[in-house]
Amino acid sequence: MSDIFVMIRNQANNALTSIDGIPFVAFLEREGQLIAEETIELIYADAGFDDLPIGEYTVGVRHERVEPPKATCPVAIRGADEVVLVTFVYLEPERVLLNAQIAVEKRL
């Protein structure tokens, strides 16, 4: 089974755990259905969705005090030994999403 990890970073690639003391929430959807939700961890600014089958997913984060308040990105798991890393990068002073980056690695 494969994993998807979600990370929140600012423009300087530093962990962005919360805004105004409110943590980000990561979520995972498949075929339009919410299948998992995790609060972004407050030290490393990440969340993980483990033991996922091969398939198409939508990964997203939400926070009421950033623009847009909900950001999503499609990802695909193509092999049983993949780890998909999704990083949402925000311009911290303006609280605006800059981009979402996806990387795929093989499980060690």
Protein backbone atom coordinates (compact mmCIF):
# COMPACT_ATOMS: atom_id res chain seq x y z
CA MET A 1 0.00 0.00 0.00
CA SER A 2 1.08 3.57 -0.65
CA ASP A 3 1.11 6.80 1.31
CA ILE A 4 0.33 10.45 0.67
CA PHE A 5 2.00 13.12 2.80
CA VAL A 6 0.80 16.72 2.84
CA MET A 7 3.10 19.56 3.89
CA ILE A 8 2.44 23.26 4.38
CA ARG A 9 5.36 25.64 3.75
CA ASN A 10 5.85 29.38 3.44
CA GLN A 11 7.71 31.17 0.65
CA ALA A 12 11.07 30.51 2.39
CA ASN A 13 10.30 26.75 2.64
CA ASN A 14 9.76 26.95 6.40
CA ALA A 15 7.04 24.93 8.10
CA LEU A 16 3.80 26.90 8.25
CA THR A 17 1.80 25.18 10.97
CA SER A 18 -0.96 27.68 11.58
CA ILE A 19 -2.26 31.19 10.92
CA ASP A 20 -3.49 33.22 13.88
CA GLY A 21 -3.17 30.10 16.03
CA ILE A 22 -5.56 28.12 13.82
CA PRO A 23 -4.04 24.98 12.26
CA PHE A 24 -4.50 23.97 8.64
CA VAL A 25 -6.59 20.87 7.92
CA ALA A 26 -5.59 18.40 5.21
CA PHE A 27 -8.15 16.17 3.53
CA LEU A 28 -8.24 13.35 1.02
CA GLU A 29 -11.03 12.63 -1.45
CA ARG A 30 -11.62 9.80 -3.89
CA GLU A 31 -14.31 9.95 -6.57
CA GLY A 32 -15.72 13.08 -4.97
CA GLN A 33 -16.10 11.49 -1.52
CA LEU A 34 -14.20 12.62 1.56
CA ILE A 35 -12.25 9.59 2.79
CA ALA A 36 -9.90 11.11 5.37
CA GLU A 37 -9.13 14.34 7.19
CA GLU A 38 -6.17 15.27 9.40
CA THR A 39 -5.17 18.40 11.28
CA ILE A 40 -1.73 19.54 10.13
CA GLU A 41 0.81 18.59 12.79
CA LEU A 42 1.94 21.64 14.75
CA ILE A 43 5.70 20.99 14.78
CA TYR A 44 6.53 19.81 11.27
CA ALA A 45 3.47 21.22 9.43
CA ASP A 46 2.56 17.91 7.82
CA ALA A 47 -0.10 15.22 7.77
CA GLY A 48 -0.08 11.68 6.41
CA PHE A 49 -2.57 9.37 4.80
CA ASP A 50 -1.24 5.81 4.98
CA ASP A 51 -1.93 2.46 3.32
CA LEU A 52 -3.81 3.73 0.29
CA PRO A 53 -4.64 1.57 -2.73
CA ILE A 54 -3.60 2.47 -6.28
CA GLY A 55 -5.89 5.08 -7.79
CA GLU A 56 -6.79 8.70 -8.36
CA TYR A 57 -7.19 11.07 -5.40
CA THR A 58 -7.77 14.72 -4.63
CA VAL A 59 -5.56 16.11 -1.89
CA GLY A 60 -6.47 19.39 -0.28
CA VAL A 61 -5.97 21.78 2.60
CA ARG A 62 -8.27 24.32 4.11
CA HIS A 63 -7.92 27.27 6.41
CA GLU A 64 -10.42 30.06 6.92
CA ARG A 65 -7.83 32.86 6.95
CA VAL A 66 -5.93 32.22 3.71
CA GLU A 67 -6.80 32.68 0.04
CA PRO A 68 -8.22 30.51 -1.27
CA PRO A 69 -9.74 29.04 1.94
CA LYS A 70 -9.72 25.60 0.29
CA ALA A 71 -7.01 24.43 -2.11
CA THR A 72 -6.93 21.07 -3.89
CA CYS A 73 -4.68 19.17 -6.20
CA PRO A 74 -5.22 15.88 -8.06
CA VAL A 75 -2.73 13.07 -7.45
CA ALA A 76 -2.38 9.52 -8.69
CA ILE A 77 -0.91 6.51 -6.97
CA ARG A 78 0.35 4.22 -9.71
CA GLY A 79 2.32 1.63 -7.73
CA ALA A 80 2.02 -0.21 -4.42
CA ASP A 81 5.34 1.15 -3.16
CA GLU A 82 4.85 4.87 -3.87
CA VAL A 83 5.00 7.77 -1.47
CA VAL A 84 3.36 10.92 -2.85
CA LEU A 85 4.51 14.20 -1.31
CA VAL A 86 2.19 17.17 -1.79
CA THR A 87 3.47 20.56 -0.62
CA PHE A 88 1.21 23.60 -0.49
CA VAL A 89 3.31 26.78 -0.50
CA TYR A 90 1.88 30.03 0.86
CA LEU A 91 3.09 33.59 0.70
CA GLU A 92 2.88 34.04 4.45
CA PRO A 93 2.57 37.83 4.87
CA GLU A 94 -0.28 38.02 2.34
CA ARG A 95 -1.77 34.62 3.30
CA VAL A 96 -2.08 33.60 -0.34
CA LEU A 97 -1.40 30.21 -1.91
CA LEU A 98 1.60 30.42 -4.25
CA ASN A 99 1.52 26.87 -5.62
CA ALA A 100 1.18 23.17 -4.93
CA GLN A 101 4.13 20.88 -5.64
CA ILE A 102 3.93 17.13 -6.12
CA ALA A 103 6.78 14.65 -5.85
CA VAL A 104 6.62 10.87 -6.03
CA GLU A 105 9.18 8.65 -4.34
CA LYS A 106 9.57 4.92 -3.85
CA ARG A 107 9.14 3.50 -0.39
CA LEU A 108 12.45 2.38 1.08
